[in-house]
Amino acid sequence: MSDPIDDLDRLVQELDDLGARTPPAGEGLEPWLRLMAAREASDLFLVPGQPPTLRVEGALTRGEAAPLDGDEIEQLVLPVLPAHARAAYRDVGIADASYRLQGVGRFRVNVHHERGRAAAVIRLLPTRVPTLASLNLPPGTGKLADLPRGLVLIGGATGSGKTTTLAAIVDHINRRQAKHIITIEDPIEYDHASDRSVIQQVEIGIDAPDFPTALRSALRQAPDVIVVGEMRDPETMKIALAAGETGHLVFSTLHTTDVASTLARIPDSFPPERQATIRQEIAAALTAVFVQTLLPRPAGGRVPAGELLMVSYGARQHIRRNALQHLHQEITITRRLGSFSLEECLARMVKAGQVTRDEAAVRALHPADFEDALRSL
């Protein structure tokens, strides 16, 4: 049996050699994808004028390969895209798709332009659906899977693990409850096999042309749980709000940093004259908001932290009045319902040795609350 270290060294050497020339169309990307899997890299960045760059445990690493230009990036990436994604790229210069390399794994591919040149970001998708326990999420996060109805928003910055958390919640429901679950994604990132639940997974561009069309169709399929991979446009937001208000359990993600910014994002996506009405609809539909971030462990790797607001009467009133600055206090008031602040979560993680005090202090949005939480433990 060959030595894995020797195999990896040979692959790195092959990639160094590959960087000196333009890879053959349809073949040049495969070695990089294999290297991503071997190094457990989360992302591969292909930016014109720079060598291909990997993200490993949150840190960027560059090899010795030569910089690529936009034409070379297109030659690497376009052959692995399905027809609908290539058409989208030709039409608007941006495309997302998933790609499966047999024996290696699945990848999410985003190809776009920057400064008039082609660029791409490729993410390695996990082969197994994670469990809630395996993610080391803050205690109490799992109760989101047991909610009966309403809209649940999961916020966080790009790369903070929102999609992974959402997949674990779906898995939890799938293994414990008899529900009809429909996921709408662009692209599908985790393959779920029906267990106690019946799961249908709809991929934008293949199974439906866009999120609004897929979501309207899902509502006619008697779903119990609807997962909207991301709410990107006002029409999708409007339909998701209506679904949450009419008895469905709806999960979706937003690129945000805290509970208040998550709840500001939706009405801010609408014209000013409609925002008051949208706030009323959010207040009626919303059940919970969880916002997460990833922090480095002292011994390597990363661990999630977050804050959770279980929505009660007080929070609904603040949303209706656009008084979102009071939601941090509302988290404290609703601890008995399961809410917890980021500062409380960070303090527990420091006490458990999961993160350093300095790292936690930098991430705390309310430093005085963080210090108080540390003293109270």
Protein backbone atom coordinates (compact mmCIF):
# COMPACT_ATOMS: atom_id res chain seq x y z
CA MET A 1 0.00 0.00 0.00
CA SER A 2 1.38 3.43 -0.93
CA ASP A 3 2.21 6.00 1.73
CA PRO A 4 -0.47 8.78 1.82
CA ILE A 5 2.22 11.37 2.54
CA ASP A 6 4.21 10.29 -0.52
CA ASP A 7 1.03 10.39 -2.62
CA LEU A 8 0.30 13.93 -1.44
CA ASP A 9 3.87 15.04 -2.14
CA ARG A 10 3.63 13.65 -5.67
CA LEU A 11 0.33 15.46 -6.19
CA VAL A 12 1.80 18.74 -4.98
CA GLN A 13 4.71 18.28 -7.40
CA GLU A 14 2.27 17.54 -10.23
CA LEU A 15 0.40 20.73 -9.41
CA ASP A 16 3.61 22.74 -9.36
CA ASP A 17 4.43 21.39 -12.82
CA LEU A 18 0.86 22.09 -13.97
CA GLY A 19 1.17 25.72 -12.93
CA ALA A 20 3.83 26.34 -15.55
CA ARG A 21 1.44 25.74 -18.43
CA THR A 22 -2.20 26.05 -19.33
CA PRO A 23 -4.08 22.88 -18.28
CA PRO A 24 -6.03 21.03 -20.96
CA ALA A 25 -9.70 22.01 -20.97
CA GLY A 26 -11.79 19.69 -18.82
CA GLU A 27 -8.73 18.05 -17.19
CA GLY A 28 -6.82 20.85 -15.53
CA LEU A 29 -9.14 21.38 -12.54
CA GLU A 30 -9.19 17.77 -11.32
CA PRO A 31 -5.74 17.77 -9.64
CA TRP A 32 -6.69 20.88 -7.67
CA LEU A 33 -9.92 19.27 -6.51
CA ARG A 34 -8.02 16.19 -5.40
CA LEU A 35 -5.60 18.39 -3.50
CA MET A 36 -8.49 20.16 -1.78
CA ALA A 37 -9.83 16.84 -0.56
CA ALA A 38 -6.37 15.60 0.52
CA ARG A 39 -5.66 18.74 2.51
CA GLU A 40 -9.27 19.08 3.75
CA ALA A 41 -9.35 22.57 2.31
CA SER A 42 -12.71 24.29 2.49
CA ASP A 43 -12.16 26.58 -0.52
CA LEU A 44 -10.07 27.05 -3.64
CA PHE A 45 -9.70 30.62 -4.92
CA LEU A 46 -8.88 31.20 -8.59
CA VAL A 47 -8.18 34.91 -9.02
CA PRO A 48 -6.52 36.36 -12.13
CA GLY A 49 -2.96 37.45 -11.57
CA GLN A 50 -2.53 35.19 -8.53
CA PRO A 51 -1.63 31.52 -8.07
CA PRO A 52 -4.46 29.19 -7.00
CA THR A 53 -4.99 29.58 -3.24
CA LEU A 54 -6.47 27.13 -0.72
CA ARG A 55 -8.23 27.87 2.55
CA VAL A 56 -7.31 25.28 5.19
CA GLU A 57 -8.80 25.63 8.70
CA GLY A 58 -9.63 29.23 7.92
CA ALA A 59 -6.12 30.21 6.78
CA LEU A 60 -5.11 30.94 3.16
CA THR A 61 -2.18 28.98 1.73
CA ARG A 62 -0.52 29.45 -1.66
CA GLY A 63 1.50 26.85 -3.51
CA GLU A 64 4.29 27.32 -6.02
CA ALA A 65 2.04 27.20 -9.09
CA ALA A 66 2.24 30.11 -11.53
CA PRO A 67 -0.42 32.85 -11.47
CA LEU A 68 -3.43 32.31 -13.71
CA ASP A 69 -5.08 34.77 -16.07
CA GLY A 70 -8.81 35.04 -16.73
CA ASP A 71 -8.74 32.89 -19.86
CA GLU A 72 -6.92 30.10 -18.03
CA ILE A 73 -9.47 30.22 -15.20
CA GLU A 74 -12.30 29.86 -17.71
CA GLN A 75 -10.50 26.90 -19.31
CA LEU A 76 -10.24 25.28 -15.88
CA VAL A 77 -13.76 25.89 -14.64
CA LEU A 78 -16.25 26.11 -17.51
CA PRO A 79 -15.90 22.45 -18.62
CA VAL A 80 -17.11 21.19 -15.22
CA LEU A 81 -20.24 23.37 -15.21
CA PRO A 82 -23.60 21.94 -16.31
CA ALA A 83 -25.23 23.46 -19.38
CA HIS A 84 -27.57 25.79 -17.45
CA ALA A 85 -24.65 27.27 -15.49
CA ARG A 86 -22.54 27.80 -18.61
CA ALA A 87 -25.51 29.56 -20.20
CA ALA A 88 -25.94 31.77 -17.12
CA TYR A 89 -22.26 32.65 -17.19
CA ARG A 90 -22.45 33.57 -20.88
CA ASP A 91 -25.56 35.69 -20.26
CA VAL A 92 -24.76 37.53 -17.03
CA GLY A 93 -21.14 36.69 -16.22
CA ILE A 94 -21.97 34.83 -12.96
CA ALA A 95 -22.93 31.21 -12.33
CA ASP A 96 -23.24 28.74 -9.45
CA ALA A 97 -23.33 24.97 -9.76
CA SER A 98 -22.34 21.76 -8.04
CA TYR A 99 -19.84 19.30 -9.47
CA ARG A 100 -19.13 15.71 -8.45
CA LEU A 101 -15.69 14.18 -9.00
CA GLN A 102 -16.05 10.43 -8.71
CA GLY A 103 -14.11 8.99 -5.81
CA VAL A 104 -13.22 12.44 -4.46
CA GLY A 105 -16.36 14.35 -3.53
CA ARG A 106 -18.79 17.10 -4.45
CA PHE A 107 -17.89 20.74 -4.97
CA ARG A 108 -19.80 24.01 -5.17
CA VAL A 109 -18.48 26.15 -8.02
CA ASN A 110 -19.00 29.89 -8.33
CA VAL A 111 -17.56 31.55 -11.43
CA HIS A 112 -17.77 35.31 -11.81
CA HIS A 113 -15.89 38.37 -13.01
CA GLU A 114 -13.64 40.83 -11.22
CA ARG A 115 -12.14 43.84 -13.00
CA GLY A 116 -13.44 42.43 -16.25
CA ARG A 117 -11.68 39.06 -15.89
CA ALA A 118 -12.91 35.59 -15.02
CA ALA A 119 -12.48 34.38 -11.43
CA ALA A 120 -13.84 31.45 -9.45
CA VAL A 121 -14.30 30.15 -5.92
CA ILE A 122 -14.75 26.42 -5.38
CA ARG A 123 -15.94 24.93 -2.09
CA LEU A 124 -15.49 21.31 -1.04
CA LEU A 125 -18.83 19.93 0.11
CA PRO A 126 -18.77 17.36 2.92
CA THR A 127 -19.61 13.81 1.96
CA ARG A 128 -21.64 13.12 5.11
CA VAL A 129 -24.51 15.08 6.58
CA PRO A 130 -23.33 16.32 10.00
CA THR A 131 -25.24 15.74 13.22
CA LEU A 132 -26.01 18.57 15.59
CA ALA A 133 -23.80 16.94 18.22
CA SER A 134 -20.82 16.68 15.86
CA LEU A 135 -20.80 20.43 15.17
CA ASN A 136 -20.22 21.44 18.80
CA LEU A 137 -22.91 24.09 18.48
CA PRO A 138 -23.84 26.15 21.54
CA PRO A 139 -26.10 24.20 23.94
CA GLY A 140 -29.74 24.79 23.14
CA THR A 141 -29.34 25.27 19.40
CA GLY A 142 -30.87 21.85 18.75
CA LYS A 143 -34.28 23.01 19.93
CA LEU A 144 -34.67 24.77 16.57
CA ALA A 145 -35.31 21.33 15.05
CA ASP A 146 -38.25 20.76 17.39
CA LEU A 147 -40.16 23.94 16.60
CA PRO A 148 -43.65 23.22 15.24
CA ARG A 149 -44.05 26.14 12.82
CA GLY A 150 -42.92 29.63 11.86
CA LEU A 151 -39.91 31.21 10.19
CA VAL A 152 -36.45 30.41 11.56
CA LEU A 153 -33.55 32.52 10.32
CA ILE A 154 -29.91 31.44 10.54
CA GLY A 155 -27.47 34.31 10.10
CA GLY A 156 -23.72 34.61 9.87
CA ALA A 157 -20.91 35.82 7.69
CA THR A 158 -19.79 33.95 4.59
CA GLY A 159 -18.03 30.75 5.63
CA SER A 160 -19.43 30.78 9.17
CA GLY A 161 -21.14 27.40 8.80
CA LYS A 162 -24.76 28.46 8.27
CA THR A 163 -25.45 25.84 5.61
CA THR A 164 -23.79 23.12 7.68
CA THR A 165 -25.91 24.00 10.72
CA LEU A 166 -29.03 23.99 8.57
CA ALA A 167 -28.14 20.57 7.16
CA ALA A 168 -27.70 19.20 10.69
CA ILE A 169 -31.11 20.55 11.70
CA VAL A 170 -32.71 18.88 8.69
CA ASP A 171 -30.93 15.64 9.56
CA HIS A 172 -32.20 15.86 13.15
CA ILE A 173 -35.78 16.27 11.96
CA ASN A 174 -35.36 13.53 9.36
CA ARG A 175 -34.18 10.95 11.89
CA ARG A 176 -36.69 11.76 14.64
CA GLN A 177 -39.90 13.03 13.07
CA ALA A 178 -42.24 11.90 10.30
CA LYS A 179 -42.35 15.07 8.20
CA HIS A 180 -42.42 16.05 4.55
CA ILE A 181 -39.30 18.18 4.06
CA ILE A 182 -38.55 20.18 0.91
CA THR A 183 -35.17 21.87 0.50
CA ILE A 184 -34.56 24.53 -2.17
CA GLU A 185 -30.88 25.16 -2.81
CA ASP A 186 -28.48 26.71 -5.31
CA PRO A 187 -26.76 24.32 -5.54
CA ILE A 188 -27.58 21.33 -3.32
CA GLU A 189 -24.74 21.04 -0.81
CA TYR A 190 -25.71 18.01 1.30
CA ASP A 191 -27.42 14.86 0.01
CA HIS A 192 -30.13 13.80 2.48
CA ALA A 193 -31.57 10.28 2.38
CA SER A 194 -35.14 9.98 3.66
CA ASP A 195 -35.34 8.32 7.07
CA ARG A 196 -38.46 8.85 9.20
CA SER A 197 -39.20 11.88 7.05
CA VAL A 198 -39.72 12.14 3.31
CA ILE A 199 -37.19 14.57 1.83
CA GLN A 200 -37.25 16.23 -1.58
CA GLN A 201 -34.31 18.37 -2.66
CA VAL A 202 -34.81 20.95 -5.40
CA GLU A 203 -31.77 22.45 -7.12
CA ILE A 204 -32.11 25.85 -8.77
CA GLY A 205 -31.16 25.74 -12.43
CA ILE A 206 -31.87 22.02 -12.72
CA ASP A 207 -35.22 21.37 -11.01
CA ALA A 208 -36.57 24.94 -11.00
CA PRO A 209 -35.49 28.18 -12.68
CA ASP A 210 -35.32 30.33 -9.53
CA PHE A 211 -36.13 30.45 -5.81
CA PRO A 212 -39.58 32.11 -6.07
CA THR A 213 -40.79 29.56 -8.62
CA ALA A 214 -39.47 26.65 -6.55
CA LEU A 215 -40.95 28.02 -3.33
CA ARG A 216 -44.40 28.59 -4.83
CA SER A 217 -44.32 25.05 -6.20
CA ALA A 218 -43.23 23.65 -2.82
CA LEU A 219 -46.25 25.19 -1.12
CA ARG A 220 -48.51 23.11 -3.39
CA GLN A 221 -46.79 19.86 -2.32
CA ALA A 222 -48.14 19.62 1.26
CA PRO A 223 -44.80 20.30 3.00
CA ASP A 224 -44.32 20.34 6.76
CA VAL A 225 -40.81 21.80 6.62
CA ILE A 226 -39.39 24.07 3.90
CA VAL A 227 -35.69 24.92 3.71
CA VAL A 228 -34.76 27.91 1.55
CA GLY A 229 -31.00 27.81 1.10
CA GLU A 230 -30.75 31.59 0.98
CA MET A 231 -33.24 34.45 0.76
CA ARG A 232 -31.68 36.53 -1.98
CA ASP A 233 -34.55 38.61 -3.31
CA PRO A 234 -37.73 40.32 -2.04
CA GLU A 235 -40.07 37.90 -3.80
CA THR A 236 -38.50 34.87 -2.11
CA MET A 237 -38.62 36.69 1.25
CA LYS A 238 -42.30 37.54 0.78
CA ILE A 239 -43.28 33.94 -0.02
CA ALA A 240 -41.19 32.56 2.85
CA LEU A 241 -42.83 34.97 5.30
CA ALA A 242 -46.28 33.91 4.12
CA ALA A 243 -45.36 30.23 4.46
CA GLY A 244 -44.10 30.75 8.01
CA GLU A 245 -47.23 32.64 8.95
CA THR A 246 -49.57 29.96 7.61
CA GLY A 247 -48.36 27.01 9.65
CA HIS A 248 -45.25 25.73 7.89
CA LEU A 249 -41.84 25.46 9.54
CA VAL A 250 -39.54 27.46 7.27
CA PHE A 251 -35.76 27.69 7.60
CA SER A 252 -33.53 30.07 5.68
CA THR A 253 -30.15 31.80 5.91
CA LEU A 254 -28.95 35.38 5.60
CA HIS A 255 -25.49 36.92 5.48
CA THR A 256 -25.56 38.95 8.71
CA THR A 257 -23.59 39.46 11.92
CA ASP A 258 -26.12 39.58 14.77
CA VAL A 259 -29.83 39.20 15.52
CA ALA A 260 -30.66 42.86 14.90
CA SER A 261 -28.91 43.00 11.52
CA THR A 262 -30.61 39.75 10.49
CA LEU A 263 -34.03 41.25 11.14
CA ALA A 264 -33.10 44.52 9.45
CA ARG A 265 -31.97 42.78 6.27
CA ILE A 266 -35.41 41.62 5.14
CA PRO A 267 -37.35 44.92 5.26
CA ASP A 268 -34.32 46.80 3.92
CA SER A 269 -34.63 44.67 0.76
CA PHE A 270 -38.03 46.23 -0.01
CA PRO A 271 -38.97 49.74 -1.19
CA PRO A 272 -39.39 52.21 1.71
CA GLU A 273 -43.16 52.40 1.28
CA ARG A 274 -43.49 48.64 1.86
CA GLN A 275 -41.10 48.23 4.77
CA ALA A 276 -43.63 48.86 7.55
CA THR A 277 -45.91 46.15 6.14
CA ILE A 278 -43.02 43.71 5.83
CA ARG A 279 -42.08 44.32 9.47
CA GLN A 280 -45.62 43.39 10.46
CA GLU A 281 -45.31 40.17 8.46
CA ILE A 282 -41.92 39.34 10.01
CA ALA A 283 -43.32 39.89 13.49
CA ALA A 284 -46.20 37.52 12.74
CA ALA A 285 -44.15 34.78 11.06
CA LEU A 286 -40.86 34.74 12.98
CA THR A 287 -40.20 32.05 15.58
CA ALA A 288 -36.42 32.16 16.15
CA VAL A 289 -33.17 33.75 14.97
CA PHE A 290 -29.79 32.08 15.39
CA VAL A 291 -26.60 33.86 14.30
CA GLN A 292 -23.28 32.06 14.36
CA THR A 293 -19.57 32.63 13.83
CA LEU A 294 -16.48 30.42 13.83
CA LEU A 295 -13.57 30.98 16.21
CA PRO A 296 -10.09 29.39 16.16
CA ARG A 297 -9.36 26.79 18.82
CA PRO A 298 -6.09 27.19 20.75
CA ALA A 299 -5.00 23.72 19.59
CA GLY A 300 -6.10 24.20 15.96
CA GLY A 301 -9.35 23.93 14.07
CA ARG A 302 -12.42 26.08 14.59
CA VAL A 303 -15.44 26.01 16.86
CA PRO A 304 -18.84 27.74 16.43
CA ALA A 305 -20.22 30.42 18.72
CA GLY A 306 -23.53 32.18 18.38
CA GLU A 307 -26.56 33.91 19.79
CA LEU A 308 -30.15 32.72 19.78
CA LEU A 309 -33.36 34.71 20.10
CA MET A 310 -36.54 32.74 20.73
CA VAL A 311 -39.18 35.19 19.60
CA SER A 312 -41.82 36.24 22.14
CA TYR A 313 -44.39 39.04 22.41
CA GLY A 314 -41.75 41.63 23.32
CA ALA A 315 -39.55 40.87 20.34
CA ARG A 316 -42.53 41.02 17.99
CA GLN A 317 -43.40 44.48 19.28
CA HIS A 318 -39.84 45.70 18.79
CA ILE A 319 -39.83 44.35 15.22
CA ARG A 320 -43.14 46.04 14.41
CA ARG A 321 -41.84 49.37 15.74
CA ASN A 322 -38.44 48.96 14.07
CA ALA A 323 -36.81 49.22 17.50
CA LEU A 324 -34.27 46.50 16.76
CA GLN A 325 -31.72 47.98 19.16
CA HIS A 326 -33.81 46.47 21.99
CA LEU A 327 -33.48 42.89 20.74
CA HIS A 328 -30.21 42.31 22.59
CA GLN A 329 -32.03 43.04 25.84
CA GLU A 330 -34.87 40.80 24.67
CA ILE A 331 -32.42 37.89 24.47
CA THR A 332 -31.73 38.32 28.19
CA ILE A 333 -35.42 38.60 29.02
CA THR A 334 -36.27 35.36 27.18
CA ARG A 335 -33.52 33.12 28.61
CA ARG A 336 -36.24 30.90 30.09
CA LEU A 337 -37.40 30.18 26.51
CA GLY A 338 -33.89 29.17 25.47
CA SER A 339 -32.43 32.46 24.22
CA PHE A 340 -28.76 33.18 24.84
CA SER A 341 -26.45 36.02 23.86
CA LEU A 342 -23.17 35.79 21.98
CA GLU A 343 -21.40 37.15 25.05
CA GLU A 344 -22.81 34.39 27.28
CA CYS A 345 -21.80 31.79 24.71
CA LEU A 346 -18.27 33.18 24.43
CA ALA A 347 -17.85 33.26 28.20
CA ARG A 348 -18.83 29.58 28.47
CA MET A 349 -16.38 28.71 25.70
CA VAL A 350 -13.55 30.53 27.46
CA LYS A 351 -14.30 28.71 30.70
CA ALA A 352 -14.33 25.39 28.82
CA GLY A 353 -10.97 26.13 27.17
CA GLN A 354 -12.46 26.07 23.67
CA VAL A 355 -11.23 29.59 22.80
CA THR A 356 -8.84 32.06 24.35
CA ARG A 357 -10.11 35.00 26.36
CA ASP A 358 -8.45 37.45 23.96
CA GLU A 359 -10.12 35.88 20.90
CA ALA A 360 -13.50 35.87 22.61
CA ALA A 361 -13.14 39.49 23.73
CA VAL A 362 -12.45 40.56 20.14
CA ARG A 363 -15.60 38.80 18.89
CA ALA A 364 -17.93 40.08 21.62
CA LEU A 365 -20.35 42.71 20.34
CA HIS A 366 -21.03 43.97 23.87
CA PRO A 367 -17.71 43.82 25.76
CA ALA A 368 -19.15 44.82 29.15
CA ASP A 369 -21.71 42.00 28.92
CA PHE A 370 -18.92 39.57 28.07
CA GLU A 371 -16.93 40.55 31.15
CA ASP A 372 -20.06 40.26 33.31
CA ALA A 373 -20.77 36.81 31.89
CA LEU A 374 -17.22 35.67 32.63
CA ARG A 375 -17.48 36.83 36.24
CA SER A 376 -20.82 35.11 36.75
CA LEU A 377 -19.55 31.65 35.69
